[in-house]
Amino acid sequence: MPRPSSFPRGPAIALGLTSSIAIGAVFWSHYSQVRDRTQMREGVERDKMRMKLKRQQKKERAAAEREAEREAQQQ
């Protein structure tokens, strides 16, 4: 005859299920935070590139305007 377990099955299953869900939630939260941080960093990099491009375009327009003024003055 098998020896009866000193720990009932119902609570053991509940404990195992609860522990699994808690561990899964911790891992999902960590993964989500890492993904969000990566997306935010990519957004910052895009903003930096956009600002750099705007500054470059502004400098080019200013240089073109100065050149146009010089040509107008020489005529």
PDB file of N, CA and C in Angstrom:
ATOM      1  N   MET A   1       0.836  -1.180   0.000  1.00  0.00           N
ATOM      2  CA  MET A   1       0.000   0.000   0.000  1.00  0.00           C
ATOM      3  C   MET A   1       0.885   1.249   0.000  1.00  0.00           C
ATOM      4  N   PRO A   2       0.579   2.242  -0.914  1.00  0.00           N
ATOM      5  CA  PRO A   2       1.399   3.450  -0.950  1.00  0.00           C
ATOM      6  C   PRO A   2       1.230   4.281   0.308  1.00  0.00           C
ATOM      7  N   ARG A   3       2.300   4.910   0.644  1.00  0.00           N
ATOM      8  CA  ARG A   3       2.317   5.740   1.841  1.00  0.00           C
ATOM      9  C   ARG A   3       1.599   7.063   1.557  1.00  0.00           C
ATOM     10  N   PRO A   4       0.682   7.508   2.366  1.00  0.00           N
ATOM     11  CA  PRO A   4      -0.021   8.770   2.117  1.00  0.00           C
ATOM     12  C   PRO A   4       0.929   9.952   2.282  1.00  0.00           C
ATOM     13  N   SER A   5       0.726  10.925   1.415  1.00  0.00           N
ATOM     14  CA  SER A   5       1.552  12.125   1.468  1.00  0.00           C
ATOM     15  C   SER A   5       1.159  12.967   2.671  1.00  0.00           C
ATOM     16  N   SER A   6       2.145  13.565   3.277  1.00  0.00           N
ATOM     17  CA  SER A   6       1.851  14.408   4.432  1.00  0.00           C
ATOM     18  C   SER A   6       1.365  15.794   3.994  1.00  0.00           C
ATOM     19  N   PHE A   7       1.538  16.085   2.702  1.00  0.00           N
ATOM     20  CA  PHE A   7       1.119  17.388   2.185  1.00  0.00           C
ATOM     21  C   PHE A   7      -0.018  17.154   1.197  1.00  0.00           C
ATOM     22  N   PRO A   8      -1.218  17.647   1.445  1.00  0.00           N
ATOM     23  CA  PRO A   8      -2.359  17.391   0.560  1.00  0.00           C
ATOM     24  C   PRO A   8      -2.123  17.941  -0.848  1.00  0.00           C
ATOM     25  N   ARG A   9      -2.684  17.270  -1.844  1.00  0.00           N
ATOM     26  CA  ARG A   9      -2.468  17.636  -3.246  1.00  0.00           C
ATOM     27  C   ARG A   9      -3.062  18.993  -3.622  1.00  0.00           C
ATOM     28  N   GLY A  10      -4.237  19.306  -3.154  1.00  0.00           N
ATOM     29  CA  GLY A  10      -4.911  20.553  -3.530  1.00  0.00           C
ATOM     30  C   GLY A  10      -4.074  21.795  -3.232  1.00  0.00           C
ATOM     31  N   PRO A  11      -3.648  21.963  -2.002  1.00  0.00           N
ATOM     32  CA  PRO A  11      -2.816  23.129  -1.683  1.00  0.00           C
ATOM     33  C   PRO A  11      -1.473  23.122  -2.426  1.00  0.00           C
ATOM     34  N   ALA A  12      -0.917  21.948  -2.667  1.00  0.00           N
ATOM     35  CA  ALA A  12       0.356  21.872  -3.398  1.00  0.00           C
ATOM     36  C   ALA A  12       0.181  22.361  -4.830  1.00  0.00           C
ATOM     37  N   ILE A  13      -0.929  21.959  -5.449  1.00  0.00           N
ATOM     38  CA  ILE A  13      -1.200  22.409  -6.820  1.00  0.00           C
ATOM     39  C   ILE A  13      -1.429  23.920  -6.827  1.00  0.00           C
ATOM     40  N   ALA A  14      -2.182  24.427  -5.862  1.00  0.00           N
ATOM     41  CA  ALA A  14      -2.446  25.869  -5.777  1.00  0.00           C
ATOM     42  C   ALA A  14      -1.148  26.639  -5.569  1.00  0.00           C
ATOM     43  N   LEU A  15      -0.294  26.145  -4.702  1.00  0.00           N
ATOM     44  CA  LEU A  15       0.988  26.809  -4.453  1.00  0.00           C
ATOM     45  C   LEU A  15       1.853  26.805  -5.716  1.00  0.00           C
ATOM     46  N   GLY A  16       1.901  25.675  -6.397  1.00  0.00           N
ATOM     47  CA  GLY A  16       2.693  25.588  -7.629  1.00  0.00           C
ATOM     48  C   GLY A  16       2.166  26.514  -8.709  1.00  0.00           C
ATOM     49  N   LEU A  17       0.859  26.545  -8.873  1.00  0.00           N
ATOM     50  CA  LEU A  17       0.247  27.412  -9.883  1.00  0.00           C
ATOM     51  C   LEU A  17       0.471  28.883  -9.550  1.00  0.00           C
ATOM     52  N   THR A  18       0.273  29.243  -8.299  1.00  0.00           N
ATOM     53  CA  THR A  18       0.479  30.632  -7.875  1.00  0.00           C
ATOM     54  C   THR A  18       1.934  31.050  -8.058  1.00  0.00           C
ATOM     55  N   SER A  19       2.852  30.183  -7.693  1.00  0.00           N
ATOM     56  CA  SER A  19       4.279  30.486  -7.853  1.00  0.00           C
ATOM     57  C   SER A  19       4.637  30.652  -9.327  1.00  0.00           C
ATOM     58  N   SER A  20       4.107  29.782 -10.175  1.00  0.00           N
ATOM     59  CA  SER A  20       4.385  29.865 -11.614  1.00  0.00           C
ATOM     60  C   SER A  20       3.863  31.175 -12.197  1.00  0.00           C
ATOM     61  N   ILE A  21       2.670  31.549 -11.802  1.00  0.00           N
ATOM     62  CA  ILE A  21       2.092  32.806 -12.298  1.00  0.00           C
ATOM     63  C   ILE A  21       2.913  33.994 -11.819  1.00  0.00           C
ATOM     64  N   ALA A  22       3.328  33.981 -10.558  1.00  0.00           N
ATOM     65  CA  ALA A  22       4.123  35.087 -10.014  1.00  0.00           C
ATOM     66  C   ALA A  22       5.471  35.195 -10.734  1.00  0.00           C
ATOM     67  N   ILE A  23       6.129  34.084 -10.946  1.00  0.00           N
ATOM     68  CA  ILE A  23       7.422  34.086 -11.648  1.00  0.00           C
ATOM     69  C   ILE A  23       7.236  34.560 -13.076  1.00  0.00           C
ATOM     70  N   GLY A  24       6.178  34.085 -13.730  1.00  0.00           N
ATOM     71  CA  GLY A  24       5.888  34.536 -15.093  1.00  0.00           C
ATOM     72  C   GLY A  24       5.643  36.039 -15.149  1.00  0.00           C
ATOM     73  N   ALA A  25       4.922  36.575 -14.169  1.00  0.00           N
ATOM     74  CA  ALA A  25       4.653  38.014 -14.135  1.00  0.00           C
ATOM     75  C   ALA A  25       5.940  38.817 -13.967  1.00  0.00           C
ATOM     76  N   VAL A  26       6.844  38.340 -13.133  1.00  0.00           N
ATOM     77  CA  VAL A  26       8.126  39.031 -12.928  1.00  0.00           C
ATOM     78  C   VAL A  26       8.944  39.031 -14.216  1.00  0.00           C
ATOM     79  N   PHE A  27       9.023  37.884 -14.872  1.00  0.00           N
ATOM     80  CA  PHE A  27       9.782  37.825 -16.125  1.00  0.00           C
ATOM     81  C   PHE A  27       9.143  38.682 -17.202  1.00  0.00           C
ATOM     82  N   TRP A  28       7.817  38.662 -17.311  1.00  0.00           N
ATOM     83  CA  TRP A  28       7.139  39.484 -18.316  1.00  0.00           C
ATOM     84  C   TRP A  28       7.372  40.966 -18.039  1.00  0.00           C
ATOM     85  N   SER A  29       7.290  41.363 -16.771  1.00  0.00           N
ATOM     86  CA  SER A  29       7.511  42.765 -16.410  1.00  0.00           C
ATOM     87  C   SER A  29       8.923  43.194 -16.783  1.00  0.00           C
ATOM     88  N   HIS A  30       9.892  42.354 -16.487  1.00  0.00           N
ATOM     89  CA  HIS A  30      11.283  42.670 -16.824  1.00  0.00           C
ATOM     90  C   HIS A  30      11.446  42.813 -18.335  1.00  0.00           C
ATOM     91  N   TYR A  31      10.919  41.870 -19.082  1.00  0.00           N
ATOM     92  CA  TYR A  31      11.000  41.923 -20.541  1.00  0.00           C
ATOM     93  C   TYR A  31      10.335  43.196 -21.076  1.00  0.00           C
ATOM     94  N   SER A  32       9.182  43.524 -20.525  1.00  0.00           N
ATOM     95  CA  SER A  32       8.449  44.710 -20.969  1.00  0.00           C
ATOM     96  C   SER A  32       9.253  45.981 -20.696  1.00  0.00           C
ATOM     97  N   GLN A  33       9.873  46.075 -19.534  1.00  0.00           N
ATOM     98  CA  GLN A  33      10.675  47.256 -19.197  1.00  0.00           C
ATOM     99  C   GLN A  33      11.890  47.378 -20.107  1.00  0.00           C
ATOM    100  N   VAL A  34      12.541  46.270 -20.394  1.00  0.00           N
ATOM    101  CA  VAL A  34      13.705  46.295 -21.283  1.00  0.00           C
ATOM    102  C   VAL A  34      13.283  46.747 -22.674  1.00  0.00           C
ATOM    103  N   ARG A  35      12.164  46.214 -23.174  1.00  0.00           N
ATOM    104  CA  ARG A  35      11.654  46.586 -24.495  1.00  0.00           C
ATOM    105  C   ARG A  35      11.280  48.075 -24.536  1.00  0.00           C
ATOM    106  N   ASP A  36      10.601  48.556 -23.490  1.00  0.00           N
ATOM    107  CA  ASP A  36      10.212  49.967 -23.439  1.00  0.00           C
ATOM    108  C   ASP A  36      11.437  50.880 -23.410  1.00  0.00           C
ATOM    109  N   ARG A  37      12.454  50.501 -22.635  1.00  0.00           N
ATOM    110  CA  ARG A  37      13.664  51.311 -22.546  1.00  0.00           C
ATOM    111  C   ARG A  37      14.363  51.378 -23.904  1.00  0.00           C
ATOM    112  N   THR A  38      14.406  50.256 -24.601  1.00  0.00           N
ATOM    113  CA  THR A  38      15.025  50.215 -25.931  1.00  0.00           C
ATOM    114  C   THR A  38      14.271  51.120 -26.894  1.00  0.00           C
ATOM    115  N   GLN A  39      12.949  51.064 -26.863  1.00  0.00           N
ATOM    116  CA  GLN A  39      12.148  51.911 -27.748  1.00  0.00           C
ATOM    117  C   GLN A  39      12.343  53.384 -27.417  1.00  0.00           C
ATOM    118  N   MET A  40      12.460  53.707 -26.136  1.00  0.00           N
ATOM    119  CA  MET A  40      12.667  55.106 -25.749  1.00  0.00           C
ATOM    120  C   MET A  40      14.036  55.593 -26.222  1.00  0.00           C
ATOM    121  N   ARG A  41      15.050  54.760 -26.095  1.00  0.00           N
ATOM    122  CA  ARG A  41      16.387  55.143 -26.566  1.00  0.00           C
ATOM    123  C   ARG A  41      16.393  55.351 -28.071  1.00  0.00           C
ATOM    124  N   GLU A  42      15.678  54.492 -28.802  1.00  0.00           N
ATOM    125  CA  GLU A  42      15.592  54.652 -30.248  1.00  0.00           C
ATOM    126  C   GLU A  42      14.898  55.964 -30.590  1.00  0.00           C
ATOM    127  N   GLY A  43      13.874  56.323 -29.814  1.00  0.00           N
ATOM    128  CA  GLY A  43      13.182  57.593 -30.027  1.00  0.00           C
ATOM    129  C   GLY A  43      14.101  58.775 -29.802  1.00  0.00           C
ATOM    130  N   VAL A  44      14.928  58.706 -28.774  1.00  0.00           N
ATOM    131  CA  VAL A  44      15.882  59.783 -28.495  1.00  0.00           C
ATOM    132  C   VAL A  44      16.879  59.902 -29.651  1.00  0.00           C
ATOM    133  N   GLU A  45      17.361  58.769 -30.145  1.00  0.00           N
ATOM    134  CA  GLU A  45      18.302  58.796 -31.273  1.00  0.00           C
ATOM    135  C   GLU A  45      17.653  59.401 -32.515  1.00  0.00           C
ATOM    136  N   ARG A  46      16.387  59.046 -32.778  1.00  0.00           N
ATOM    137  CA  ARG A  46      15.684  59.638 -33.926  1.00  0.00           C
ATOM    138  C   ARG A  46      15.538  61.147 -33.753  1.00  0.00           C
ATOM    139  N   ASP A  47      15.219  61.581 -32.529  1.00  0.00           N
ATOM    140  CA  ASP A  47      15.082  63.018 -32.269  1.00  0.00           C
ATOM    141  C   ASP A  47      16.410  63.744 -32.475  1.00  0.00           C
ATOM    142  N   LYS A  48      17.494  63.137 -32.013  1.00  0.00           N
ATOM    143  CA  LYS A  48      18.815  63.755 -32.199  1.00  0.00           C
ATOM    144  C   LYS A  48      19.146  63.889 -33.681  1.00  0.00           C
ATOM    145  N   MET A  49      18.862  62.832 -34.444  1.00  0.00           N
ATOM    146  CA  MET A  49      19.137  62.896 -35.885  1.00  0.00           C
ATOM    147  C   MET A  49      18.257  63.946 -36.558  1.00  0.00           C
ATOM    148  N   ARG A  50      17.003  64.031 -36.155  1.00  0.00           N
ATOM    149  CA  ARG A  50      16.088  65.019 -36.726  1.00  0.00           C
ATOM    150  C   ARG A  50      16.566  66.434 -36.421  1.00  0.00           C
ATOM    151  N   MET A  51      17.004  66.671 -35.181  1.00  0.00           N
ATOM    152  CA  MET A  51      17.508  67.999 -34.807  1.00  0.00           C
ATOM    153  C   MET A  51      18.778  68.329 -35.573  1.00  0.00           C
ATOM    154  N   LYS A  52      19.657  67.356 -35.725  1.00  0.00           N
ATOM    155  CA  LYS A  52      20.892  67.559 -36.468  1.00  0.00           C
ATOM    156  C   LYS A  52      20.583  67.918 -37.919  1.00  0.00           C
ATOM    157  N   LEU A  53      19.630  67.219 -38.524  1.00  0.00           N
ATOM    158  CA  LEU A  53      19.240  67.489 -39.903  1.00  0.00           C
ATOM    159  C   LEU A  53      18.645  68.887 -40.037  1.00  0.00           C
ATOM    160  N   LYS A  54      17.816  69.290 -39.075  1.00  0.00           N
ATOM    161  CA  LYS A  54      17.225  70.635 -39.118  1.00  0.00           C
ATOM    162  C   LYS A  54      18.307  71.709 -39.011  1.00  0.00           C
ATOM    163  N   ARG A  55      19.264  71.518 -38.109  1.00  0.00           N
ATOM    164  CA  ARG A  55      20.362  72.495 -37.979  1.00  0.00           C
ATOM    165  C   ARG A  55      21.156  72.589 -39.275  1.00  0.00           C
ATOM    166  N   GLN A  56      21.427  71.432 -39.867  1.00  0.00           N
ATOM    167  CA  GLN A  56      22.190  71.404 -41.118  1.00  0.00           C
ATOM    168  C   GLN A  56      21.410  72.118 -42.219  1.00  0.00           C
ATOM    169  N   GLN A  57      20.113  71.879 -42.323  1.00  0.00           N
ATOM    170  CA  GLN A  57      19.303  72.534 -43.339  1.00  0.00           C
ATOM    171  C   GLN A  57      19.250  74.041 -43.097  1.00  0.00           C
ATOM    172  N   LYS A  58      19.171  74.435 -41.834  1.00  0.00           N
ATOM    173  CA  LYS A  58      19.141  75.861 -41.498  1.00  0.00           C
ATOM    174  C   LYS A  58      20.450  76.534 -41.914  1.00  0.00           C
ATOM    175  N   LYS A  59      21.584  75.868 -41.665  1.00  0.00           N
ATOM    176  CA  LYS A  59      22.877  76.416 -42.064  1.00  0.00           C
ATOM    177  C   LYS A  59      22.970  76.533 -43.578  1.00  0.00           C
ATOM    178  N   GLU A  60      22.485  75.514 -44.273  1.00  0.00           N
ATOM    179  CA  GLU A  60      22.531  75.543 -45.737  1.00  0.00           C
ATOM    180  C   GLU A  60      21.660  76.664 -46.289  1.00  0.00           C
ATOM    181  N   ARG A  61      20.470  76.866 -45.719  1.00  0.00           N
ATOM    182  CA  ARG A  61      19.611  77.967 -46.175  1.00  0.00           C
ATOM    183  C   ARG A  61      20.251  79.311 -45.911  1.00  0.00           C
ATOM    184  N   ALA A  62      20.866  79.457 -44.734  1.00  0.00           N
ATOM    185  CA  ALA A  62      21.522  80.715 -44.393  1.00  0.00           C
ATOM    186  C   ALA A  62      22.676  80.968 -45.363  1.00  0.00           C
ATOM    187  N   ALA A  63      23.437  79.943 -45.693  1.00  0.00           N
ATOM    188  CA  ALA A  63      24.550  80.106 -46.629  1.00  0.00           C
ATOM    189  C   ALA A  63      24.022  80.472 -48.010  1.00  0.00           C
ATOM    190  N   ALA A  64      22.924  79.862 -48.436  1.00  0.00           N
ATOM    191  CA  ALA A  64      22.333  80.174 -49.743  1.00  0.00           C
ATOM    192  C   ALA A  64      21.813  81.602 -49.758  1.00  0.00           C
ATOM    193  N   GLU A  65      21.212  82.039 -48.671  1.00  0.00           N
ATOM    194  CA  GLU A  65      20.724  83.421 -48.599  1.00  0.00           C
ATOM    195  C   GLU A  65      21.873  84.406 -48.657  1.00  0.00           C
ATOM    196  N   ARG A  66      22.959  84.136 -47.946  1.00  0.00           N
ATOM    197  CA  ARG A  66      24.126  85.032 -47.990  1.00  0.00           C
ATOM    198  C   ARG A  66      24.691  85.098 -49.398  1.00  0.00           C
ATOM    199  N   GLU A  67      24.758  83.950 -50.058  1.00  0.00           N
ATOM    200  CA  GLU A  67      25.269  83.907 -51.428  1.00  0.00           C
ATOM    201  C   GLU A  67      24.366  84.709 -52.358  1.00  0.00           C
ATOM    202  N   ALA A  68      23.063  84.596 -52.166  1.00  0.00           N
ATOM    203  CA  ALA A  68      22.117  85.350 -52.990  1.00  0.00           C
ATOM    204  C   ALA A  68      22.269  86.847 -52.750  1.00  0.00           C
ATOM    205  N   GLU A  69      22.482  87.243 -51.513  1.00  0.00           N
ATOM    206  CA  GLU A  69      22.676  88.664 -51.203  1.00  0.00           C
ATOM    207  C   GLU A  69      23.963  89.182 -51.840  1.00  0.00           C
ATOM    208  N   ARG A  70      25.017  88.410 -51.803  1.00  0.00           N
ATOM    209  CA  ARG A  70      26.278  88.822 -52.425  1.00  0.00           C
ATOM    210  C   ARG A  70      26.105  89.011 -53.934  1.00  0.00           C
ATOM    211  N   GLU A  71      25.427  88.082 -54.549  1.00  0.00           N
ATOM    212  CA  GLU A  71      25.194  88.178 -56.001  1.00  0.00           C
ATOM    213  C   GLU A  71      24.338  89.393 -56.321  1.00  0.00           C
ATOM    214  N   ALA A  72      23.354  89.689 -55.484  1.00  0.00           N
ATOM    215  CA  ALA A  72      22.490  90.844 -55.707  1.00  0.00           C
ATOM    216  C   ALA A  72      23.285  92.129 -55.549  1.00  0.00           C
ATOM    217  N   GLN A  73      24.209  92.173 -54.616  1.00  0.00           N
ATOM    218  CA  GLN A  73      25.006  93.361 -54.390  1.00  0.00           C
ATOM    219  C   GLN A  73      26.014  93.569 -55.515  1.00  0.00           C
ATOM    220  N   GLN A  74      26.502  92.521 -56.108  1.00  0.00           N
ATOM    221  CA  GLN A  74      27.487  92.643 -57.166  1.00  0.00           C
ATOM    222  C   GLN A  74      26.854  93.096 -58.482  1.00  0.00           C
ATOM    223  N   GLN A  75      25.581  92.933 -58.650  1.00  0.00           N
ATOM    224  CA  GLN A  75      24.935  93.322 -59.911  1.00  0.00           C
ATOM    225  C   GLN A  75      24.583  94.749 -59.931  1.00  0.00           C
TER     226      GLN A  75
END
